[in-house]
N, C-alpha and C. Protein backbone atom coordinates (compact mmCIF):
# COMPACT_ATOMS: atom_id res chain seq x y z
N MET A 1 0.85 -1.20 -0.01
CA MET A 1 0.00 0.01 -0.01
C MET A 1 0.89 1.25 -0.01
N GLU A 2 0.55 2.20 -0.88
CA GLU A 2 1.32 3.41 -0.99
C GLU A 2 1.00 4.37 0.16
N THR A 3 2.07 4.95 0.71
CA THR A 3 1.91 5.92 1.75
C THR A 3 1.90 7.32 1.16
N PHE A 4 1.56 8.32 1.96
CA PHE A 4 1.64 9.71 1.50
C PHE A 4 3.09 10.02 1.12
N ALA A 5 4.05 9.53 1.89
CA ALA A 5 5.46 9.76 1.62
C ALA A 5 5.83 9.25 0.23
N ASP A 6 5.41 7.99 -0.06
CA ASP A 6 5.67 7.44 -1.39
C ASP A 6 5.05 8.31 -2.50
N TYR A 7 3.86 8.77 -2.25
CA TYR A 7 3.15 9.56 -3.23
C TYR A 7 3.83 10.87 -3.56
N ILE A 8 4.20 11.65 -2.52
CA ILE A 8 4.81 12.98 -2.79
C ILE A 8 6.24 12.81 -3.26
N LEU A 9 6.96 11.85 -2.76
CA LEU A 9 8.34 11.63 -3.18
C LEU A 9 8.44 11.11 -4.62
N SER A 10 7.42 10.39 -5.06
CA SER A 10 7.44 9.87 -6.42
C SER A 10 7.07 10.92 -7.43
N GLU A 11 6.46 11.99 -6.98
CA GLU A 11 6.11 13.09 -7.85
C GLU A 11 7.33 13.91 -8.22
N GLU A 12 7.73 13.88 -9.47
CA GLU A 12 8.94 14.58 -9.90
C GLU A 12 8.68 16.03 -10.27
N ASP A 13 7.45 16.35 -10.69
CA ASP A 13 7.13 17.69 -11.11
C ASP A 13 7.05 18.62 -9.90
N TYR A 14 7.87 19.62 -9.88
CA TYR A 14 8.02 20.58 -8.75
C TYR A 14 6.65 21.21 -8.41
N ILE A 15 5.95 21.70 -9.41
CA ILE A 15 4.69 22.41 -9.15
C ILE A 15 3.63 21.46 -8.61
N LYS A 16 3.57 20.25 -9.16
CA LYS A 16 2.58 19.26 -8.64
C LYS A 16 2.96 18.85 -7.23
N LYS A 17 4.23 18.73 -6.95
CA LYS A 17 4.68 18.42 -5.57
C LYS A 17 4.19 19.50 -4.62
N MET A 18 4.28 20.77 -5.02
CA MET A 18 3.84 21.87 -4.22
C MET A 18 2.35 21.82 -4.00
N GLU A 19 1.61 21.46 -5.05
CA GLU A 19 0.15 21.32 -4.96
C GLU A 19 -0.23 20.22 -4.00
N ILE A 20 0.51 19.13 -3.98
CA ILE A 20 0.22 18.06 -3.02
C ILE A 20 0.35 18.55 -1.61
N ALA A 21 1.45 19.28 -1.32
CA ALA A 21 1.64 19.85 0.00
C ALA A 21 0.53 20.82 0.35
N TYR A 22 0.10 21.63 -0.59
CA TYR A 22 -0.98 22.57 -0.40
C TYR A 22 -2.27 21.84 -0.03
N TYR A 23 -2.58 20.79 -0.76
CA TYR A 23 -3.82 20.03 -0.45
C TYR A 23 -3.71 19.28 0.90
N LEU A 24 -2.51 18.87 1.27
CA LEU A 24 -2.32 18.27 2.58
C LEU A 24 -2.66 19.32 3.66
N GLN A 25 -2.24 20.54 3.41
CA GLN A 25 -2.52 21.63 4.37
C GLN A 25 -4.02 21.85 4.46
N LYS A 26 -4.69 21.88 3.35
CA LYS A 26 -6.15 22.08 3.34
C LYS A 26 -6.88 20.98 4.10
N ARG A 27 -6.35 19.79 3.96
CA ARG A 27 -7.01 18.63 4.56
C ARG A 27 -6.66 18.44 6.03
N THR A 28 -5.42 18.76 6.41
CA THR A 28 -4.98 18.44 7.80
C THR A 28 -4.67 19.69 8.61
N GLY A 29 -4.46 20.83 7.99
CA GLY A 29 -4.15 22.04 8.77
C GLY A 29 -2.68 22.19 9.06
N ILE A 30 -1.81 21.47 8.36
CA ILE A 30 -0.35 21.65 8.59
C ILE A 30 0.00 23.10 8.19
N PHE A 31 1.16 23.53 8.65
CA PHE A 31 1.66 24.84 8.28
C PHE A 31 2.18 24.82 6.85
N PHE A 32 1.60 25.67 6.02
CA PHE A 32 2.02 25.83 4.64
C PHE A 32 1.56 27.17 4.17
N ASP A 33 2.50 28.07 4.00
CA ASP A 33 2.15 29.42 3.51
C ASP A 33 3.17 29.89 2.49
N ASN A 34 3.12 31.14 2.13
CA ASN A 34 4.02 31.67 1.08
C ASN A 34 5.50 31.57 1.47
N SER A 35 5.76 31.61 2.80
CA SER A 35 7.17 31.48 3.21
C SER A 35 7.73 30.11 2.87
N VAL A 36 6.88 29.08 2.93
CA VAL A 36 7.30 27.75 2.58
C VAL A 36 7.67 27.66 1.09
N ILE A 37 6.83 28.31 0.25
CA ILE A 37 7.05 28.37 -1.18
C ILE A 37 8.36 29.13 -1.48
N LEU A 38 8.55 30.27 -0.82
CA LEU A 38 9.78 31.05 -1.08
C LEU A 38 11.01 30.22 -0.70
N LYS A 39 10.99 29.60 0.44
CA LYS A 39 12.13 28.82 0.89
C LYS A 39 12.42 27.62 0.04
N THR A 40 11.36 27.00 -0.45
CA THR A 40 11.54 25.86 -1.33
C THR A 40 12.15 26.33 -2.68
N GLU A 41 11.64 27.45 -3.19
CA GLU A 41 12.16 27.99 -4.43
C GLU A 41 13.62 28.41 -4.23
N LEU A 42 13.98 28.97 -3.12
CA LEU A 42 15.38 29.30 -2.83
C LEU A 42 16.24 28.04 -2.88
N ALA A 43 15.77 26.98 -2.25
CA ALA A 43 16.51 25.74 -2.26
C ALA A 43 16.69 25.19 -3.69
N ARG A 44 15.61 25.23 -4.45
CA ARG A 44 15.66 24.74 -5.87
C ARG A 44 16.67 25.51 -6.71
N LEU A 45 16.59 26.86 -6.59
CA LEU A 45 17.53 27.70 -7.31
C LEU A 45 18.96 27.50 -6.86
N PHE A 46 19.16 27.33 -5.57
CA PHE A 46 20.50 27.14 -4.99
C PHE A 46 21.09 25.81 -5.53
N ILE A 47 20.36 24.77 -5.47
CA ILE A 47 20.80 23.43 -5.93
C ILE A 47 21.13 23.47 -7.43
N ASP A 48 20.21 24.04 -8.18
CA ASP A 48 20.42 24.12 -9.65
C ASP A 48 21.55 25.02 -10.06
N THR A 49 21.61 26.20 -9.46
CA THR A 49 22.62 27.18 -9.86
C THR A 49 24.05 26.73 -9.46
N MET A 50 24.16 26.17 -8.29
CA MET A 50 25.48 25.77 -7.78
C MET A 50 25.83 24.31 -8.07
N ASN A 51 24.91 23.61 -8.78
CA ASN A 51 25.15 22.22 -9.15
C ASN A 51 25.54 21.35 -7.92
N LEU A 52 24.75 21.44 -6.86
CA LEU A 52 25.05 20.74 -5.66
C LEU A 52 24.77 19.24 -5.83
N ASP A 53 25.59 18.44 -5.26
CA ASP A 53 25.45 16.98 -5.34
C ASP A 53 24.57 16.48 -4.21
N VAL A 54 23.28 16.72 -4.39
CA VAL A 54 22.26 16.26 -3.43
C VAL A 54 21.06 15.73 -4.20
N ASP A 55 20.20 15.00 -3.51
CA ASP A 55 18.97 14.51 -4.10
C ASP A 55 17.98 15.70 -4.04
N LYS A 56 17.85 16.38 -5.18
CA LYS A 56 17.01 17.60 -5.23
C LYS A 56 15.55 17.28 -4.85
N ASN A 57 15.04 16.18 -5.31
CA ASN A 57 13.68 15.79 -5.00
C ASN A 57 13.47 15.65 -3.49
N LEU A 58 14.40 15.04 -2.84
CA LEU A 58 14.36 14.87 -1.40
C LEU A 58 14.43 16.20 -0.67
N VAL A 59 15.33 17.06 -1.09
CA VAL A 59 15.46 18.40 -0.45
C VAL A 59 14.21 19.22 -0.64
N LEU A 60 13.67 19.27 -1.84
CA LEU A 60 12.52 20.09 -2.12
C LEU A 60 11.29 19.56 -1.32
N THR A 61 11.13 18.26 -1.24
CA THR A 61 10.05 17.69 -0.45
C THR A 61 10.24 18.05 1.03
N ALA A 62 11.45 17.94 1.53
CA ALA A 62 11.70 18.34 2.91
C ALA A 62 11.45 19.80 3.12
N CYS A 63 11.78 20.66 2.19
CA CYS A 63 11.48 22.09 2.31
C CYS A 63 10.00 22.36 2.40
N LEU A 64 9.24 21.61 1.65
CA LEU A 64 7.78 21.81 1.66
C LEU A 64 7.14 21.35 2.97
N LEU A 65 7.80 20.38 3.67
CA LEU A 65 7.11 19.77 4.81
C LEU A 65 7.78 19.92 6.18
N TYR A 66 9.05 20.33 6.24
CA TYR A 66 9.74 20.37 7.52
C TYR A 66 9.06 21.22 8.55
N ALA A 67 8.37 22.28 8.16
CA ALA A 67 7.69 23.18 9.10
C ALA A 67 6.22 22.84 9.32
N CYS A 68 5.83 21.59 8.98
CA CYS A 68 4.41 21.26 9.01
C CYS A 68 3.74 21.46 10.37
N LYS A 69 4.47 21.41 11.45
CA LYS A 69 3.90 21.61 12.81
C LYS A 69 4.28 22.95 13.40
N LYS A 70 4.76 23.87 12.54
CA LYS A 70 5.10 25.20 13.02
C LYS A 70 3.83 25.96 13.39
N ASN A 71 3.88 26.72 14.48
CA ASN A 71 2.77 27.52 14.88
C ASN A 71 2.91 28.88 14.16
N ILE A 72 1.85 29.35 13.56
CA ILE A 72 1.92 30.55 12.75
C ILE A 72 2.43 31.75 13.56
N VAL A 73 1.87 31.94 14.71
CA VAL A 73 2.33 33.04 15.61
C VAL A 73 2.68 32.42 16.96
N SER A 74 3.96 32.36 17.21
CA SER A 74 4.38 31.81 18.52
C SER A 74 5.52 32.59 19.06
N HIS A 75 5.36 33.07 20.25
CA HIS A 75 6.39 33.74 20.99
C HIS A 75 6.97 32.88 22.06
N ASP A 76 6.51 31.64 22.12
CA ASP A 76 6.96 30.68 23.09
C ASP A 76 8.19 29.95 22.55
N ILE A 77 9.35 30.25 23.13
CA ILE A 77 10.62 29.70 22.60
C ILE A 77 10.61 28.18 22.63
N GLU A 78 9.94 27.58 23.62
CA GLU A 78 9.89 26.10 23.67
C GLU A 78 9.11 25.53 22.50
N LYS A 79 8.02 26.18 22.09
CA LYS A 79 7.31 25.71 20.88
C LYS A 79 8.13 25.89 19.63
N ILE A 80 8.86 26.98 19.57
CA ILE A 80 9.71 27.23 18.41
C ILE A 80 10.79 26.17 18.35
N LYS A 81 11.36 25.79 19.49
CA LYS A 81 12.40 24.78 19.52
C LYS A 81 11.86 23.40 19.19
N LYS A 82 10.60 23.12 19.36
CA LYS A 82 10.04 21.78 19.16
C LYS A 82 9.35 21.56 17.81
N TYR A 83 9.02 22.62 17.07
CA TYR A 83 8.19 22.40 15.90
C TYR A 83 8.82 21.46 14.86
N ALA A 84 10.12 21.51 14.67
CA ALA A 84 10.75 20.63 13.68
C ALA A 84 10.72 19.17 14.15
N GLU A 85 10.94 18.99 15.45
CA GLU A 85 10.93 17.63 16.02
C GLU A 85 9.48 17.07 15.94
N GLU A 86 8.53 17.88 16.31
CA GLU A 86 7.11 17.43 16.27
C GLU A 86 6.71 17.18 14.82
N GLY A 87 7.18 18.00 13.91
CA GLY A 87 6.89 17.81 12.51
C GLY A 87 7.44 16.50 11.95
N ALA A 88 8.69 16.20 12.38
CA ALA A 88 9.31 14.95 11.97
C ALA A 88 8.55 13.73 12.49
N GLU A 89 8.05 13.85 13.70
CA GLU A 89 7.27 12.73 14.27
C GLU A 89 5.99 12.52 13.45
N TYR A 90 5.36 13.64 13.08
CA TYR A 90 4.14 13.59 12.20
C TYR A 90 4.47 13.03 10.87
N LEU A 91 5.56 13.48 10.27
CA LEU A 91 5.94 12.98 8.95
C LEU A 91 6.24 11.48 8.95
N GLU A 92 6.75 10.99 10.07
CA GLU A 92 7.03 9.55 10.17
C GLU A 92 5.68 8.80 10.08
N THR A 93 4.62 9.35 10.66
CA THR A 93 3.29 8.67 10.59
C THR A 93 2.75 8.67 9.14
N LEU A 94 3.27 9.52 8.29
CA LEU A 94 2.88 9.56 6.88
C LEU A 94 3.74 8.66 5.99
N GLY A 95 4.67 7.95 6.63
CA GLY A 95 5.48 6.97 5.90
C GLY A 95 6.85 7.43 5.51
N PHE A 96 7.25 8.63 5.99
CA PHE A 96 8.59 9.09 5.66
C PHE A 96 9.65 8.31 6.47
N SER A 97 10.82 8.14 5.88
CA SER A 97 11.90 7.39 6.48
C SER A 97 12.50 8.17 7.65
N LYS A 98 13.20 7.42 8.50
CA LYS A 98 13.91 8.07 9.63
C LYS A 98 14.90 9.10 9.11
N ARG A 99 15.60 8.79 8.00
CA ARG A 99 16.58 9.74 7.44
C ARG A 99 15.89 11.01 6.98
N PHE A 100 14.76 10.89 6.29
CA PHE A 100 14.01 12.06 5.80
C PHE A 100 13.67 12.93 7.03
N CYS A 101 13.13 12.28 8.09
CA CYS A 101 12.72 13.01 9.28
C CYS A 101 13.91 13.66 9.96
N LYS A 102 15.05 13.00 9.95
CA LYS A 102 16.28 13.56 10.52
C LYS A 102 16.70 14.81 9.73
N ILE A 103 16.59 14.74 8.43
CA ILE A 103 16.89 15.89 7.58
C ILE A 103 15.99 17.07 8.02
N CYS A 104 14.72 16.82 8.19
CA CYS A 104 13.77 17.86 8.55
C CYS A 104 14.09 18.46 9.93
N THR A 105 14.46 17.65 10.92
CA THR A 105 14.77 18.17 12.24
C THR A 105 16.07 18.96 12.20
N GLY A 106 16.92 18.71 11.21
CA GLY A 106 18.18 19.40 11.08
C GLY A 106 18.02 20.84 10.58
N VAL A 107 16.82 21.32 10.33
CA VAL A 107 16.63 22.65 9.83
C VAL A 107 17.14 23.64 10.88
N ASN A 108 17.05 23.29 12.13
CA ASN A 108 17.61 24.11 13.22
C ASN A 108 18.55 23.22 14.04
N ARG A 109 19.19 23.76 14.93
CA ARG A 109 20.19 23.01 15.74
C ARG A 109 19.64 22.63 17.11
N TYR A 110 18.32 22.67 17.31
CA TYR A 110 17.74 22.34 18.60
C TYR A 110 17.78 20.83 18.85
N THR A 111 17.73 20.04 17.79
CA THR A 111 17.87 18.58 17.90
C THR A 111 19.17 18.28 17.21
N GLU A 112 20.25 18.24 17.96
CA GLU A 112 21.57 18.10 17.36
C GLU A 112 21.90 16.63 17.17
N SER A 113 22.65 16.38 16.11
CA SER A 113 23.07 15.03 15.78
C SER A 113 24.51 15.10 15.34
N GLU A 114 25.30 14.10 15.74
CA GLU A 114 26.69 14.05 15.39
C GLU A 114 26.91 13.90 13.87
N ASP A 115 26.08 13.06 13.27
CA ASP A 115 26.23 12.79 11.84
C ASP A 115 25.15 13.56 11.07
N ARG A 116 25.30 14.88 11.08
CA ARG A 116 24.32 15.78 10.43
C ARG A 116 24.26 15.50 8.95
N GLU A 117 23.04 15.49 8.42
CA GLU A 117 22.83 15.24 6.99
C GLU A 117 23.13 16.53 6.19
N LYS A 118 23.73 16.35 5.05
CA LYS A 118 24.09 17.51 4.21
C LYS A 118 22.85 18.26 3.75
N GLU A 119 21.73 17.55 3.55
CA GLU A 119 20.49 18.15 3.12
C GLU A 119 19.96 19.10 4.22
N SER A 120 20.25 18.75 5.47
CA SER A 120 19.81 19.64 6.58
C SER A 120 20.51 21.00 6.53
N ASP A 121 21.74 20.99 6.03
CA ASP A 121 22.47 22.27 5.90
C ASP A 121 21.78 23.20 4.90
N ILE A 122 21.26 22.61 3.83
CA ILE A 122 20.54 23.41 2.81
C ILE A 122 19.24 23.96 3.45
N LEU A 123 18.52 23.10 4.16
CA LEU A 123 17.29 23.58 4.84
C LEU A 123 17.61 24.69 5.81
N GLU A 124 18.69 24.55 6.59
CA GLU A 124 19.07 25.54 7.56
C GLU A 124 19.32 26.89 6.89
N LEU A 125 20.02 26.85 5.78
CA LEU A 125 20.34 28.12 5.04
C LEU A 125 19.11 28.81 4.50
N VAL A 126 18.27 28.04 3.81
CA VAL A 126 17.10 28.65 3.20
C VAL A 126 16.06 29.09 4.27
N ASP A 127 15.98 28.32 5.35
CA ASP A 127 15.07 28.72 6.44
C ASP A 127 15.50 30.04 7.08
N ASN A 128 16.81 30.13 7.44
CA ASN A 128 17.33 31.33 8.03
C ASN A 128 17.27 32.52 7.13
N PHE A 129 17.74 32.34 5.89
CA PHE A 129 17.81 33.45 4.97
C PHE A 129 16.41 33.92 4.60
N GLY A 130 15.53 32.98 4.27
CA GLY A 130 14.15 33.31 3.99
C GLY A 130 13.49 34.04 5.12
N GLY A 131 13.73 33.61 6.35
CA GLY A 131 13.14 34.30 7.51
C GLY A 131 13.68 35.67 7.70
N LEU A 132 14.89 35.93 7.27
CA LEU A 132 15.47 37.25 7.39
C LEU A 132 14.96 38.24 6.34
N VAL A 133 14.74 37.78 5.12
CA VAL A 133 14.32 38.70 4.04
C VAL A 133 12.83 38.94 4.00
N LEU A 134 12.05 38.04 4.62
CA LEU A 134 10.60 38.23 4.63
C LEU A 134 10.14 39.20 5.71
N ASP A 135 9.11 39.96 5.40
CA ASP A 135 8.50 40.80 6.40
C ASP A 135 7.82 39.94 7.48
N ARG A 136 7.88 40.39 8.72
CA ARG A 136 7.18 39.74 9.80
C ARG A 136 6.29 40.76 10.50
N PRO A 137 5.38 40.33 11.34
CA PRO A 137 4.52 41.31 12.00
C PRO A 137 5.32 42.31 12.81
N GLU A 138 6.45 41.88 13.40
CA GLU A 138 7.20 42.78 14.25
C GLU A 138 8.29 43.56 13.54
N ARG A 139 8.57 43.27 12.27
CA ARG A 139 9.62 43.99 11.55
C ARG A 139 9.51 43.78 10.07
N LYS A 140 10.13 44.67 9.32
CA LYS A 140 10.24 44.53 7.89
C LYS A 140 11.39 43.55 7.59
N GLY A 141 11.34 42.96 6.39
CA GLY A 141 12.43 42.06 5.99
C GLY A 141 13.70 42.81 5.77
N TYR A 142 14.77 42.20 6.02
CA TYR A 142 16.09 42.85 5.87
C TYR A 142 16.47 42.87 4.39
N PRO A 143 17.23 43.91 3.99
CA PRO A 143 17.79 43.92 2.65
C PRO A 143 18.74 42.74 2.52
N ILE A 144 18.99 42.29 1.27
CA ILE A 144 19.81 41.12 0.99
C ILE A 144 21.17 41.18 1.68
N ASP A 145 21.88 42.28 1.51
CA ASP A 145 23.22 42.35 2.08
C ASP A 145 23.19 42.27 3.60
N GLU A 146 22.23 42.90 4.24
CA GLU A 146 22.13 42.85 5.68
C GLU A 146 21.70 41.44 6.15
N ALA A 147 20.80 40.83 5.38
CA ALA A 147 20.38 39.44 5.74
C ALA A 147 21.57 38.47 5.64
N MET A 148 22.40 38.63 4.64
CA MET A 148 23.58 37.79 4.51
C MET A 148 24.55 38.03 5.67
N ASN A 149 24.71 39.24 6.06
CA ASN A 149 25.59 39.54 7.17
C ASN A 149 25.07 38.90 8.47
N LEU A 150 23.77 39.02 8.70
CA LEU A 150 23.15 38.43 9.87
C LEU A 150 23.21 36.90 9.87
N LEU A 151 22.98 36.36 8.66
CA LEU A 151 23.04 34.90 8.52
C LEU A 151 24.42 34.39 8.90
N GLU A 152 25.43 35.02 8.39
CA GLU A 152 26.78 34.54 8.61
C GLU A 152 27.33 34.88 9.99
N ASN A 153 27.07 36.07 10.46
CA ASN A 153 27.73 36.54 11.69
C ASN A 153 26.89 36.47 12.95
N ARG A 154 25.62 36.12 12.81
CA ARG A 154 24.76 35.94 14.00
C ARG A 154 24.10 34.55 13.99
N ASN A 155 23.26 34.30 12.99
CA ASN A 155 22.46 33.07 13.00
C ASN A 155 23.33 31.82 12.91
N LEU A 156 24.36 31.83 12.08
CA LEU A 156 25.15 30.64 11.90
C LEU A 156 26.59 30.81 12.45
N LYS A 157 26.77 31.84 13.24
CA LYS A 157 28.11 32.09 13.83
C LYS A 157 28.53 30.85 14.62
N ASP A 158 29.75 30.40 14.41
CA ASP A 158 30.34 29.27 15.10
C ASP A 158 29.65 27.93 14.81
N LEU A 159 28.85 27.89 13.80
CA LEU A 159 28.20 26.64 13.34
C LEU A 159 28.84 26.18 12.04
N ASP A 160 28.99 24.91 11.91
CA ASP A 160 29.59 24.38 10.66
C ASP A 160 28.51 24.02 9.65
N ASN A 161 28.23 24.89 8.75
CA ASN A 161 27.29 24.62 7.66
C ASN A 161 28.11 24.46 6.39
N ARG A 162 28.14 23.23 5.87
CA ARG A 162 29.04 22.91 4.74
C ARG A 162 28.72 23.66 3.45
N TYR A 163 27.55 24.33 3.35
CA TYR A 163 27.19 25.04 2.15
C TYR A 163 27.16 26.58 2.32
N LEU A 164 27.57 27.10 3.49
CA LEU A 164 27.49 28.51 3.69
C LEU A 164 28.23 29.32 2.62
N GLU A 165 29.46 28.99 2.33
CA GLU A 165 30.23 29.76 1.36
C GLU A 165 29.60 29.67 -0.04
N GLU A 166 29.09 28.49 -0.40
CA GLU A 166 28.44 28.35 -1.70
C GLU A 166 27.15 29.16 -1.69
N PHE A 167 26.45 29.22 -0.58
CA PHE A 167 25.21 29.95 -0.51
C PHE A 167 25.46 31.45 -0.69
N LYS A 168 26.52 31.93 -0.06
CA LYS A 168 26.92 33.35 -0.20
C LYS A 168 27.20 33.65 -1.67
N LYS A 169 27.94 32.79 -2.31
CA LYS A 169 28.25 33.00 -3.76
C LYS A 169 26.96 33.02 -4.57
N PHE A 170 26.06 32.08 -4.26
CA PHE A 170 24.80 31.98 -4.96
C PHE A 170 23.96 33.25 -4.80
N VAL A 171 23.83 33.74 -3.61
CA VAL A 171 23.01 34.94 -3.36
C VAL A 171 23.61 36.15 -4.07
N TYR A 172 24.92 36.31 -3.98
CA TYR A 172 25.54 37.46 -4.62
C TYR A 172 25.54 37.32 -6.16
N LEU A 173 25.61 36.09 -6.64
CA LEU A 173 25.48 35.84 -8.09
C LEU A 173 24.09 36.28 -8.57
N LYS A 174 23.04 35.85 -7.83
CA LYS A 174 21.68 36.22 -8.20
C LYS A 174 21.37 37.68 -8.02
N GLU A 175 22.10 38.34 -7.14
CA GLU A 175 21.93 39.75 -6.92
C GLU A 175 22.80 40.56 -7.90
N GLY A 176 23.71 39.92 -8.54
CA GLY A 176 24.59 40.62 -9.53
C GLY A 176 25.65 41.44 -8.88
N VAL A 177 26.10 41.03 -7.68
CA VAL A 177 27.15 41.73 -7.00
C VAL A 177 28.31 40.75 -6.68
N ALA A 178 29.50 41.27 -6.57
CA ALA A 178 30.61 40.41 -6.22
C ALA A 178 30.55 40.08 -4.71
N ALA A 179 30.89 38.85 -4.40
CA ALA A 179 30.86 38.41 -3.00
C ALA A 179 31.99 38.99 -2.20
């Protein structure tokens, strides 16, 4: 019997994959908004532009779903720390593998693992960068150069993200500026 995980992972068409996630949101109430689409598109462009050696289908599916248990408005730091872990537990009930769920929890460093998946580093970059450039109720989105500075020198300071330098090159390439 096919699981939801089998269904969405077998869909190769990016737009159809996004529609599947959208309809899952309509049916179950998972978190899925424009920020999810922006971050997924960032990941797609990053992988394609920089020719990263990762399973693009896996990364894009993880981008669409890792925040499924995120609370739209939450000022409770404990809920913020737990949404990726709770989302991974939910995704496991939909038939996703332990590795896929581990990739999703790796979006932030609240659930640390010694053998961090490389796909988690991509999720971490697009989640942080997307969160910085998007407007929020409490602040306007940061300009690209300021967002990159905050990403590198605050959000990911002292963290080993294997794609940070490539991501900086990618952003500046898309912006048409030298890194």
